[in-house]
Amino acid sequence: MQERLEEILRNVDDSDYGKIHRQRFIESYKFLDRHMQMQTGTLAGDMRILDLASYGTFASLVKEIKPWINIAKSDYFDLRYPFPIADNTYDVVCFMEALEHLKDQDSTNPVGSQLYLDDISEYSQSGIKNCMREIARILKPGGILFLTTPNINSWTAVHRALNFYSPTFYIPHVKEFSVQEIHQLHREVGLKINRLETPDNCHGLQSVANNRGRLGKLIEACILAGYSPDLRGDCIFSIATKI
């Protein structure tokens, strides 16, 4: 299966972006497919699936493997504001590597007012919270959100922070999230996380063996100090259901 997925992705997207993220797309497909087989037996042909805020690589991969699947890439629109999509439209929404790029909504308060100063003095996550509310709205009851985003709780992030670098994986990201924050964002909009994992080696070509070898002593020291080794991979993958 691994070789088949790699072959499809080379044909679908052989750009630099596609090459860098190839392993992440493969892990994403395996994760979603495994969950759907456990829950429904398969990705059924009558399901409506949206690949939200992406270049369409994942949708093309799914379509190539399961041509009967009704999966589409979304049009481009500002995720910080109401989506141009009707309520209860989709059975599955795939929202991959986009949450971390969302800025706050623009201020609606007049320049020079105290409210305007309050708006610009803090990062309120207004854009992120609107996006999560809208995803919940367009999902059918019992619908599924598949979300992926970098993990600020990873061993790699800990290693960077201890070496006086930013723990952020990619500096242009607006915000990278902790596992706890991902749970909270889902709860606030009526989504229940059924499974959350943190696969490693999802953001580049570096091997897991090299990553673990480089960070081995740090990991051992943290475990001895009582810190959990769980959920320390580079990327958060979660599956949630609309309650």
Foldseek 3Di string as FASTA:
>chain_A
DVVVQLVQLCVLDVDPVSAFQSVLLVVLVVVVQVVCCVPPNGQDLPFAEEAEPDPCSSVSSVCVVPVSHHYDYDDDDQLLDADPAAFQAGQEYEAEAPLQAHFHDDDPDDPPDPVNVVVPVDGPCSSSLSNLLNVLGRHHAFGKYKYKFWALQALQLVVQVVVVHHSDPDVNGNDGDHPVVVCVSQVVNQKHWPDKAADAPRRGDDDPVVVCVVCVVVLVVCVVVPDDPGRRHGMMIIMITRD
